[in-house]
């Protein structure tokens, strides 16, 4: 299997600090994070358009984070028990990450048919969670002027002012 961008060997010298910052930002940034998406979803009525899908995406984030950490636990032969409540899990994984050594972060593992280092899988964790947090924000109507209503004037799909590339000079 070829080496992929997601598991590069040319990482910053203090990989743990870099990875910690990445995971912290994807989990807790006040504008764009899993925690922010969680808050946005909880602030909505249960029958709001898209709410069921937003909650399903948050559950998917929780489940995949737990699966990633399960793979890390097996690779490092650690007993880890990630929380079942998303806000607690976000804090738990930062604490747990902070307890790992650079040597542990470099430990190889296989996940879903791909070869990663522990660090590579945790970077996937951050990317995957951010991807779905963005979906939740969109479903909650929290992504700028986008709306779930396809006839709304600001919806990109029906806008009278479509986004077009600027011609090159």
N, C-alpha and C. Protein backbone atom coordinates (compact mmCIF):
# COMPACT_ATOMS: atom_id res chain seq x y z
N UNK A 1 0.85 -1.18 0.00
CA UNK A 1 0.00 0.00 0.00
C UNK A 1 0.90 1.24 0.00
N UNK A 2 0.56 2.22 -0.80
CA UNK A 2 1.38 3.42 -0.89
C UNK A 2 1.13 4.33 0.31
N UNK A 3 2.15 5.11 0.63
CA UNK A 3 2.03 6.08 1.72
C UNK A 3 1.12 7.21 1.25
N UNK A 4 0.25 7.64 2.09
CA UNK A 4 -0.70 8.68 1.72
C UNK A 4 -0.42 9.95 2.50
N UNK A 5 -0.96 11.06 2.01
CA UNK A 5 -0.80 12.34 2.68
C UNK A 5 -1.24 12.28 4.13
N UNK A 6 -2.23 11.48 4.44
CA UNK A 6 -2.78 11.45 5.78
C UNK A 6 -1.85 10.82 6.80
N UNK A 7 -0.75 10.24 6.35
CA UNK A 7 0.17 9.62 7.29
C UNK A 7 1.61 9.93 6.91
N UNK A 8 1.90 11.18 6.76
CA UNK A 8 3.21 11.64 6.32
C UNK A 8 4.25 11.45 7.41
N UNK A 9 5.46 11.20 6.97
CA UNK A 9 6.56 11.02 7.92
C UNK A 9 7.24 12.35 8.25
N UNK A 10 7.09 13.36 7.41
CA UNK A 10 7.77 14.64 7.61
C UNK A 10 6.93 15.59 8.47
N UNK A 11 6.73 15.21 9.72
CA UNK A 11 5.89 15.98 10.62
C UNK A 11 6.71 16.99 11.41
N UNK A 12 6.04 17.98 12.00
CA UNK A 12 6.76 18.96 12.82
C UNK A 12 7.52 18.27 13.95
N UNK A 13 8.62 18.90 14.43
CA UNK A 13 9.42 18.28 15.48
C UNK A 13 8.63 17.95 16.74
N UNK A 14 7.74 18.83 17.17
CA UNK A 14 6.92 18.55 18.34
C UNK A 14 5.54 18.12 17.86
N UNK A 15 5.48 16.89 17.37
CA UNK A 15 4.27 16.37 16.77
C UNK A 15 3.10 16.35 17.76
N UNK A 16 3.35 16.00 19.00
CA UNK A 16 2.28 15.92 19.99
C UNK A 16 1.60 17.28 20.16
N UNK A 17 2.38 18.34 20.28
CA UNK A 17 1.79 19.68 20.45
C UNK A 17 0.98 20.08 19.22
N UNK A 18 1.49 19.76 18.04
CA UNK A 18 0.79 20.09 16.80
C UNK A 18 -0.52 19.32 16.70
N UNK A 19 -0.48 18.04 16.99
CA UNK A 19 -1.67 17.20 16.93
C UNK A 19 -2.70 17.63 17.99
N UNK A 20 -2.21 17.97 19.18
CA UNK A 20 -3.09 18.44 20.25
C UNK A 20 -3.82 19.71 19.81
N UNK A 21 -3.08 20.65 19.21
CA UNK A 21 -3.70 21.90 18.74
C UNK A 21 -4.76 21.62 17.67
N UNK A 22 -4.44 20.73 16.74
CA UNK A 22 -5.39 20.38 15.68
C UNK A 22 -6.67 19.78 16.26
N UNK A 23 -6.53 18.83 17.15
CA UNK A 23 -7.70 18.18 17.73
C UNK A 23 -8.49 19.16 18.61
N UNK A 24 -7.79 20.00 19.35
CA UNK A 24 -8.45 21.00 20.18
C UNK A 24 -9.27 21.97 19.33
N UNK A 25 -8.69 22.46 18.24
CA UNK A 25 -9.40 23.39 17.37
C UNK A 25 -10.60 22.73 16.70
N UNK A 26 -10.43 21.51 16.20
CA UNK A 26 -11.56 20.85 15.53
C UNK A 26 -12.68 20.53 16.52
N UNK A 27 -12.34 20.38 17.79
CA UNK A 27 -13.34 20.08 18.81
C UNK A 27 -13.97 21.32 19.43
N UNK A 28 -13.18 22.40 19.62
CA UNK A 28 -13.66 23.50 20.46
C UNK A 28 -13.56 24.91 19.88
N UNK A 29 -13.14 25.08 18.64
CA UNK A 29 -13.08 26.44 18.11
C UNK A 29 -14.47 27.07 18.20
N UNK A 30 -14.55 28.36 18.64
CA UNK A 30 -15.88 28.95 18.82
C UNK A 30 -16.67 29.14 17.53
N UNK A 31 -16.00 29.18 16.38
CA UNK A 31 -16.73 29.36 15.12
C UNK A 31 -17.01 28.05 14.42
N UNK A 32 -15.99 27.18 14.34
CA UNK A 32 -16.09 26.00 13.49
C UNK A 32 -15.56 24.79 14.24
N UNK A 33 -16.44 24.08 14.90
CA UNK A 33 -15.98 22.92 15.67
C UNK A 33 -17.15 21.98 15.95
N UNK A 34 -16.78 20.82 16.42
CA UNK A 34 -17.80 19.84 16.81
C UNK A 34 -18.63 20.39 17.97
N UNK A 35 -17.98 20.99 18.95
CA UNK A 35 -18.71 21.53 20.09
C UNK A 35 -19.69 22.60 19.65
N UNK A 36 -19.28 23.47 18.74
CA UNK A 36 -20.16 24.53 18.23
C UNK A 36 -21.35 23.92 17.49
N UNK A 37 -21.09 22.91 16.67
CA UNK A 37 -22.18 22.24 15.94
C UNK A 37 -23.14 21.58 16.92
N UNK A 38 -22.60 20.98 17.96
CA UNK A 38 -23.42 20.35 18.99
C UNK A 38 -24.34 21.39 19.64
N UNK A 39 -23.78 22.54 20.00
CA UNK A 39 -24.58 23.61 20.61
C UNK A 39 -25.66 24.10 19.66
N UNK A 40 -25.30 24.27 18.38
CA UNK A 40 -26.27 24.75 17.39
C UNK A 40 -27.43 23.77 17.25
N UNK A 41 -27.12 22.48 17.24
CA UNK A 41 -28.18 21.49 17.10
C UNK A 41 -29.07 21.47 18.34
N UNK A 42 -28.49 21.61 19.52
CA UNK A 42 -29.29 21.59 20.74
C UNK A 42 -30.17 22.82 20.89
N UNK A 43 -29.80 23.92 20.23
CA UNK A 43 -30.57 25.16 20.32
C UNK A 43 -31.81 25.15 19.43
N UNK A 44 -32.00 24.09 18.66
CA UNK A 44 -33.11 24.04 17.72
C UNK A 44 -34.26 23.19 18.25
N UNK A 45 -35.43 23.46 17.71
CA UNK A 45 -36.62 22.66 18.07
C UNK A 45 -36.44 21.25 17.52
N UNK A 46 -36.96 20.26 18.24
CA UNK A 46 -36.82 18.87 17.79
C UNK A 46 -37.40 18.61 16.40
N UNK A 47 -38.43 19.40 16.00
CA UNK A 47 -39.06 19.19 14.70
C UNK A 47 -38.58 20.17 13.64
N UNK A 48 -37.50 20.90 13.92
CA UNK A 48 -36.96 21.84 12.94
C UNK A 48 -36.49 21.08 11.70
N UNK A 49 -36.62 21.69 10.52
CA UNK A 49 -36.16 21.02 9.30
C UNK A 49 -34.68 20.61 9.42
N UNK A 50 -34.40 19.39 9.08
CA UNK A 50 -33.02 18.91 9.11
C UNK A 50 -32.51 18.49 10.48
N UNK A 51 -33.32 18.68 11.52
CA UNK A 51 -32.84 18.40 12.88
C UNK A 51 -32.51 16.93 13.10
N UNK A 52 -33.34 16.05 12.60
CA UNK A 52 -33.09 14.61 12.78
C UNK A 52 -31.76 14.22 12.13
N UNK A 53 -31.50 14.75 10.94
CA UNK A 53 -30.24 14.44 10.26
C UNK A 53 -29.06 15.07 10.99
N UNK A 54 -29.22 16.28 11.51
CA UNK A 54 -28.14 16.93 12.28
C UNK A 54 -27.78 16.07 13.50
N UNK A 55 -28.79 15.59 14.20
CA UNK A 55 -28.53 14.75 15.38
C UNK A 55 -27.90 13.42 14.98
N UNK A 56 -28.30 12.88 13.84
CA UNK A 56 -27.70 11.63 13.35
C UNK A 56 -26.22 11.85 13.02
N UNK A 57 -25.89 12.98 12.42
CA UNK A 57 -24.49 13.29 12.10
C UNK A 57 -23.67 13.44 13.38
N UNK A 58 -24.23 14.06 14.41
CA UNK A 58 -23.52 14.18 15.69
C UNK A 58 -23.31 12.80 16.31
N UNK A 59 -24.30 11.94 16.20
CA UNK A 59 -24.15 10.57 16.72
C UNK A 59 -23.05 9.83 15.95
N UNK A 60 -22.99 10.07 14.64
CA UNK A 60 -21.95 9.46 13.82
C UNK A 60 -20.56 9.95 14.27
N UNK A 61 -20.44 11.23 14.57
CA UNK A 61 -19.16 11.75 15.07
C UNK A 61 -18.77 11.01 16.36
N UNK A 62 -19.72 10.90 17.28
CA UNK A 62 -19.46 10.19 18.53
C UNK A 62 -19.02 8.74 18.27
N UNK A 63 -19.76 8.05 17.42
CA UNK A 63 -19.45 6.64 17.16
C UNK A 63 -18.09 6.47 16.49
N UNK A 64 -17.78 7.32 15.51
CA UNK A 64 -16.48 7.17 14.83
C UNK A 64 -15.33 7.54 15.75
N UNK A 65 -15.49 8.57 16.57
CA UNK A 65 -14.43 8.91 17.52
C UNK A 65 -14.17 7.74 18.47
N UNK A 66 -15.22 7.12 18.94
CA UNK A 66 -15.05 5.96 19.83
C UNK A 66 -14.36 4.81 19.09
N UNK A 67 -14.71 4.62 17.81
CA UNK A 67 -14.07 3.55 17.03
C UNK A 67 -12.58 3.86 16.80
N UNK A 68 -12.26 5.10 16.49
CA UNK A 68 -10.85 5.47 16.30
C UNK A 68 -10.05 5.21 17.57
N UNK A 69 -10.59 5.64 18.70
CA UNK A 69 -9.88 5.45 19.97
C UNK A 69 -9.81 3.98 20.36
N UNK A 70 -10.79 3.18 19.94
CA UNK A 70 -10.71 1.74 20.15
C UNK A 70 -9.55 1.14 19.38
N UNK A 71 -9.35 1.60 18.14
CA UNK A 71 -8.22 1.13 17.34
C UNK A 71 -6.89 1.56 17.96
N UNK A 72 -6.85 2.78 18.49
CA UNK A 72 -5.64 3.27 19.17
C UNK A 72 -5.36 2.39 20.39
N UNK A 73 -6.38 2.11 21.17
CA UNK A 73 -6.21 1.29 22.38
C UNK A 73 -5.66 -0.09 22.02
N UNK A 74 -6.19 -0.69 20.98
CA UNK A 74 -5.70 -2.01 20.58
C UNK A 74 -4.25 -1.94 20.11
N UNK A 75 -3.91 -0.93 19.31
CA UNK A 75 -2.55 -0.80 18.79
C UNK A 75 -1.54 -0.57 19.90
N UNK A 76 -1.93 0.19 20.92
CA UNK A 76 -1.01 0.53 22.02
C UNK A 76 -1.18 -0.39 23.22
N UNK A 77 -2.10 -1.33 23.13
CA UNK A 77 -2.40 -2.25 24.22
C UNK A 77 -2.72 -1.49 25.51
N UNK A 78 -3.64 -0.53 25.36
CA UNK A 78 -4.10 0.28 26.49
C UNK A 78 -5.56 -0.03 26.77
N UNK A 79 -5.95 0.15 28.00
CA UNK A 79 -7.35 0.04 28.37
C UNK A 79 -7.93 1.46 28.36
N UNK A 80 -8.70 1.76 27.31
CA UNK A 80 -9.32 3.07 27.19
C UNK A 80 -10.83 2.89 27.15
N UNK A 81 -11.54 3.79 27.80
CA UNK A 81 -12.99 3.74 27.81
C UNK A 81 -13.54 5.14 27.48
N UNK A 82 -13.63 5.45 26.18
CA UNK A 82 -14.12 6.78 25.81
C UNK A 82 -15.56 7.01 26.27
N UNK A 83 -15.88 8.21 26.72
CA UNK A 83 -17.25 8.52 27.16
C UNK A 83 -18.27 8.34 26.03
N UNK A 84 -19.53 8.18 26.41
CA UNK A 84 -20.62 8.01 25.45
C UNK A 84 -21.38 9.30 25.21
N UNK A 85 -20.95 10.41 25.81
CA UNK A 85 -21.60 11.71 25.64
C UNK A 85 -20.60 12.60 24.92
N UNK A 86 -20.98 13.14 23.76
CA UNK A 86 -20.04 13.82 22.88
C UNK A 86 -19.23 14.93 23.55
N UNK A 87 -19.83 15.87 24.29
CA UNK A 87 -19.00 16.91 24.92
C UNK A 87 -17.95 16.34 25.88
N UNK A 88 -18.30 15.30 26.61
CA UNK A 88 -17.32 14.67 27.51
C UNK A 88 -16.23 13.97 26.70
N UNK A 89 -16.60 13.33 25.61
CA UNK A 89 -15.62 12.64 24.76
C UNK A 89 -14.61 13.63 24.18
N UNK A 90 -15.07 14.81 23.77
CA UNK A 90 -14.16 15.81 23.20
C UNK A 90 -13.08 16.20 24.21
N UNK A 91 -13.48 16.38 25.46
CA UNK A 91 -12.49 16.73 26.51
C UNK A 91 -11.62 15.52 26.84
N UNK A 92 -12.21 14.34 26.93
CA UNK A 92 -11.49 13.12 27.26
C UNK A 92 -10.38 12.85 26.24
N UNK A 93 -10.69 13.02 24.95
CA UNK A 93 -9.67 12.67 23.97
C UNK A 93 -8.48 13.63 24.01
N UNK A 94 -8.67 14.87 24.40
CA UNK A 94 -7.53 15.77 24.56
C UNK A 94 -6.66 15.34 25.74
N UNK A 95 -7.30 14.98 26.83
CA UNK A 95 -6.55 14.49 27.99
C UNK A 95 -5.81 13.21 27.65
N UNK A 96 -6.48 12.31 26.96
CA UNK A 96 -5.86 11.04 26.59
C UNK A 96 -4.72 11.26 25.61
N UNK A 97 -4.93 12.10 24.62
CA UNK A 97 -3.86 12.42 23.66
C UNK A 97 -2.65 12.98 24.39
N UNK A 98 -2.88 13.87 25.35
CA UNK A 98 -1.78 14.48 26.10
C UNK A 98 -0.96 13.49 26.90
N UNK A 99 -1.52 12.32 27.14
CA UNK A 99 -0.78 11.30 27.91
C UNK A 99 0.04 10.37 27.01
N UNK A 100 -0.09 10.51 25.69
CA UNK A 100 0.65 9.64 24.76
C UNK A 100 2.03 10.21 24.48
N UNK A 101 2.97 9.32 24.23
CA UNK A 101 4.34 9.73 23.89
C UNK A 101 4.48 9.83 22.37
N UNK A 102 5.55 10.47 21.93
CA UNK A 102 5.85 10.54 20.50
C UNK A 102 6.01 9.13 19.93
N UNK A 103 6.60 8.23 20.70
CA UNK A 103 6.78 6.85 20.26
C UNK A 103 5.43 6.17 20.07
N UNK A 104 4.50 6.41 20.97
CA UNK A 104 3.16 5.84 20.83
C UNK A 104 2.44 6.42 19.61
N UNK A 105 2.63 7.72 19.37
CA UNK A 105 1.99 8.34 18.21
C UNK A 105 2.50 7.77 16.89
N UNK A 106 3.73 7.29 16.89
CA UNK A 106 4.32 6.71 15.68
C UNK A 106 3.95 5.24 15.48
N UNK A 107 3.34 4.63 16.47
CA UNK A 107 2.98 3.19 16.39
C UNK A 107 2.06 2.96 15.20
N UNK A 108 2.38 1.98 14.33
CA UNK A 108 1.50 1.69 13.19
C UNK A 108 0.25 0.93 13.61
N UNK A 109 -0.80 1.11 12.84
CA UNK A 109 -2.03 0.36 13.04
C UNK A 109 -2.79 0.30 11.73
N UNK A 110 -3.67 -0.66 11.64
CA UNK A 110 -4.55 -0.79 10.47
C UNK A 110 -5.96 -0.41 10.88
N UNK A 111 -6.59 0.38 10.03
CA UNK A 111 -7.97 0.78 10.30
C UNK A 111 -8.71 0.84 8.96
N UNK A 112 -9.81 0.14 8.86
CA UNK A 112 -10.67 0.15 7.67
C UNK A 112 -9.88 -0.13 6.39
N UNK A 113 -8.94 -1.06 6.49
CA UNK A 113 -8.18 -1.45 5.32
C UNK A 113 -7.03 -0.53 4.95
N UNK A 114 -6.74 0.43 5.78
CA UNK A 114 -5.63 1.35 5.54
C UNK A 114 -4.63 1.27 6.66
N UNK A 115 -3.39 1.57 6.34
CA UNK A 115 -2.31 1.59 7.32
C UNK A 115 -2.11 3.03 7.77
N UNK A 116 -2.09 3.25 9.07
CA UNK A 116 -1.89 4.56 9.68
C UNK A 116 -0.85 4.43 10.78
N UNK A 117 -0.34 5.55 11.23
CA UNK A 117 0.27 5.62 12.55
C UNK A 117 -0.86 6.04 13.49
N UNK A 118 -0.65 5.93 14.79
CA UNK A 118 -1.66 6.43 15.73
C UNK A 118 -1.93 7.90 15.44
N UNK A 119 -0.88 8.68 15.22
CA UNK A 119 -1.05 10.10 14.92
C UNK A 119 -1.86 10.30 13.65
N UNK A 120 -1.59 9.49 12.62
CA UNK A 120 -2.33 9.60 11.37
C UNK A 120 -3.81 9.33 11.55
N UNK A 121 -4.14 8.34 12.36
CA UNK A 121 -5.55 8.05 12.63
C UNK A 121 -6.20 9.18 13.43
N UNK A 122 -5.46 9.78 14.35
CA UNK A 122 -6.02 10.89 15.12
C UNK A 122 -6.19 12.14 14.26
N UNK A 123 -5.34 12.33 13.27
CA UNK A 123 -5.56 13.42 12.31
C UNK A 123 -6.81 13.15 11.49
N UNK A 124 -7.00 11.89 11.07
CA UNK A 124 -8.23 11.52 10.37
C UNK A 124 -9.43 11.81 11.27
N UNK A 125 -9.32 11.51 12.53
CA UNK A 125 -10.37 11.79 13.51
C UNK A 125 -10.76 13.27 13.46
N UNK A 126 -9.77 14.15 13.48
CA UNK A 126 -10.05 15.59 13.46
C UNK A 126 -10.69 16.01 12.14
N UNK A 127 -10.15 15.52 11.02
CA UNK A 127 -10.72 15.88 9.71
C UNK A 127 -12.14 15.37 9.57
N UNK A 128 -12.36 14.12 9.92
CA UNK A 128 -13.67 13.50 9.77
C UNK A 128 -14.72 14.22 10.63
N UNK A 129 -14.34 14.53 11.84
CA UNK A 129 -15.27 15.23 12.74
C UNK A 129 -15.59 16.63 12.22
N UNK A 130 -14.58 17.33 11.71
CA UNK A 130 -14.81 18.68 11.16
C UNK A 130 -15.73 18.62 9.94
N UNK A 131 -15.52 17.61 9.12
CA UNK A 131 -16.36 17.42 7.93
C UNK A 131 -17.83 17.34 8.35
N UNK A 132 -18.12 16.48 9.30
CA UNK A 132 -19.51 16.30 9.72
C UNK A 132 -20.02 17.47 10.56
N UNK A 133 -19.16 18.13 11.30
CA UNK A 133 -19.59 19.33 12.04
C UNK A 133 -20.05 20.41 11.05
N UNK A 134 -19.38 20.51 9.92
CA UNK A 134 -19.81 21.45 8.88
C UNK A 134 -21.18 21.08 8.32
N UNK A 135 -21.43 19.79 8.16
CA UNK A 135 -22.75 19.36 7.72
C UNK A 135 -23.82 19.74 8.73
N UNK A 136 -23.51 19.56 10.01
CA UNK A 136 -24.47 19.91 11.06
C UNK A 136 -24.73 21.42 11.03
N UNK A 137 -23.68 22.22 10.89
CA UNK A 137 -23.86 23.67 10.83
C UNK A 137 -24.75 24.06 9.65
N UNK A 138 -24.55 23.42 8.51
CA UNK A 138 -25.39 23.71 7.35
C UNK A 138 -26.85 23.31 7.62
N UNK A 139 -27.04 22.14 8.18
CA UNK A 139 -28.39 21.69 8.50
C UNK A 139 -29.08 22.61 9.51
N UNK A 140 -28.29 23.20 10.40
CA UNK A 140 -28.84 24.09 11.43
C UNK A 140 -28.99 25.52 10.92
N UNK A 141 -28.66 25.75 9.67
CA UNK A 141 -28.77 27.09 9.11
C UNK A 141 -27.72 28.04 9.66
N UNK A 142 -26.60 27.48 10.12
CA UNK A 142 -25.58 28.30 10.77
C UNK A 142 -24.37 28.53 9.88
N UNK A 143 -24.52 28.29 8.59
CA UNK A 143 -23.39 28.47 7.68
C UNK A 143 -23.63 29.70 6.82
N UNK A 144 -23.49 30.86 7.42
CA UNK A 144 -23.69 32.11 6.69
C UNK A 144 -25.14 32.29 6.30
N UNK A 145 -25.38 32.65 5.01
CA UNK A 145 -26.72 32.93 4.54
C UNK A 145 -27.40 31.73 3.92
N UNK A 146 -26.81 30.55 4.02
CA UNK A 146 -27.44 29.38 3.43
C UNK A 146 -28.67 28.99 4.22
N UNK A 147 -29.62 28.44 3.54
CA UNK A 147 -30.88 28.07 4.17
C UNK A 147 -31.28 26.66 3.74
N UNK A 148 -32.04 26.00 4.59
CA UNK A 148 -32.57 24.70 4.22
C UNK A 148 -33.73 24.84 3.23
N UNK A 149 -34.28 26.02 3.11
CA UNK A 149 -35.40 26.26 2.22
C UNK A 149 -34.87 26.50 0.80
N UNK A 150 -35.12 25.57 -0.14
CA UNK A 150 -34.56 25.73 -1.47
C UNK A 150 -35.12 26.92 -2.24
N UNK A 151 -36.24 27.51 -1.79
CA UNK A 151 -36.78 28.67 -2.48
C UNK A 151 -36.34 29.98 -1.84
N UNK A 152 -35.55 29.89 -0.77
CA UNK A 152 -35.08 31.11 -0.10
C UNK A 152 -34.15 31.87 -1.04
N UNK A 153 -34.22 33.20 -1.06
CA UNK A 153 -33.42 33.98 -2.00
C UNK A 153 -31.90 33.82 -1.80
N UNK A 154 -31.45 33.47 -0.62
CA UNK A 154 -30.02 33.35 -0.38
C UNK A 154 -29.49 31.94 -0.57
N UNK A 155 -30.33 31.01 -0.98
CA UNK A 155 -29.87 29.65 -1.18
C UNK A 155 -29.04 29.60 -2.46
N UNK A 156 -27.85 29.03 -2.39
CA UNK A 156 -26.95 29.00 -3.54
C UNK A 156 -27.55 28.24 -4.72
N UNK A 157 -28.41 27.28 -4.45
CA UNK A 157 -28.96 26.48 -5.54
C UNK A 157 -29.94 27.28 -6.40
N UNK A 158 -30.57 28.32 -5.85
CA UNK A 158 -31.58 29.05 -6.60
C UNK A 158 -31.28 30.54 -6.69
N UNK A 159 -30.12 30.95 -6.27
CA UNK A 159 -29.80 32.37 -6.24
C UNK A 159 -29.82 32.99 -7.64
N UNK A 160 -30.30 34.22 -7.72
CA UNK A 160 -30.24 34.97 -8.98
C UNK A 160 -28.84 35.49 -9.25
N UNK A 161 -27.97 35.41 -8.27
CA UNK A 161 -26.59 35.85 -8.41
C UNK A 161 -25.66 34.65 -8.16
N UNK A 162 -25.63 33.72 -9.12
CA UNK A 162 -24.81 32.53 -8.89
C UNK A 162 -23.34 32.89 -8.79
N UNK A 163 -22.63 32.08 -8.06
CA UNK A 163 -21.19 32.26 -7.92
C UNK A 163 -20.55 31.80 -9.22
N UNK A 164 -19.83 32.70 -9.85
CA UNK A 164 -19.15 32.34 -11.10
C UNK A 164 -17.69 32.70 -10.98
N UNK A 165 -16.83 31.90 -11.62
CA UNK A 165 -15.40 32.22 -11.54
C UNK A 165 -15.09 33.52 -12.24
N UNK A 166 -14.12 34.23 -11.73
CA UNK A 166 -13.65 35.46 -12.35
C UNK A 166 -12.78 35.08 -13.55
N UNK A 167 -13.05 35.63 -14.72
CA UNK A 167 -12.24 35.27 -15.87
C UNK A 167 -10.79 35.74 -15.67
N UNK A 168 -9.86 34.91 -16.15
CA UNK A 168 -8.45 35.29 -16.05
C UNK A 168 -8.14 36.36 -17.07
N UNK A 169 -7.23 37.26 -16.71
CA UNK A 169 -6.85 38.35 -17.63
C UNK A 169 -5.64 37.97 -18.42
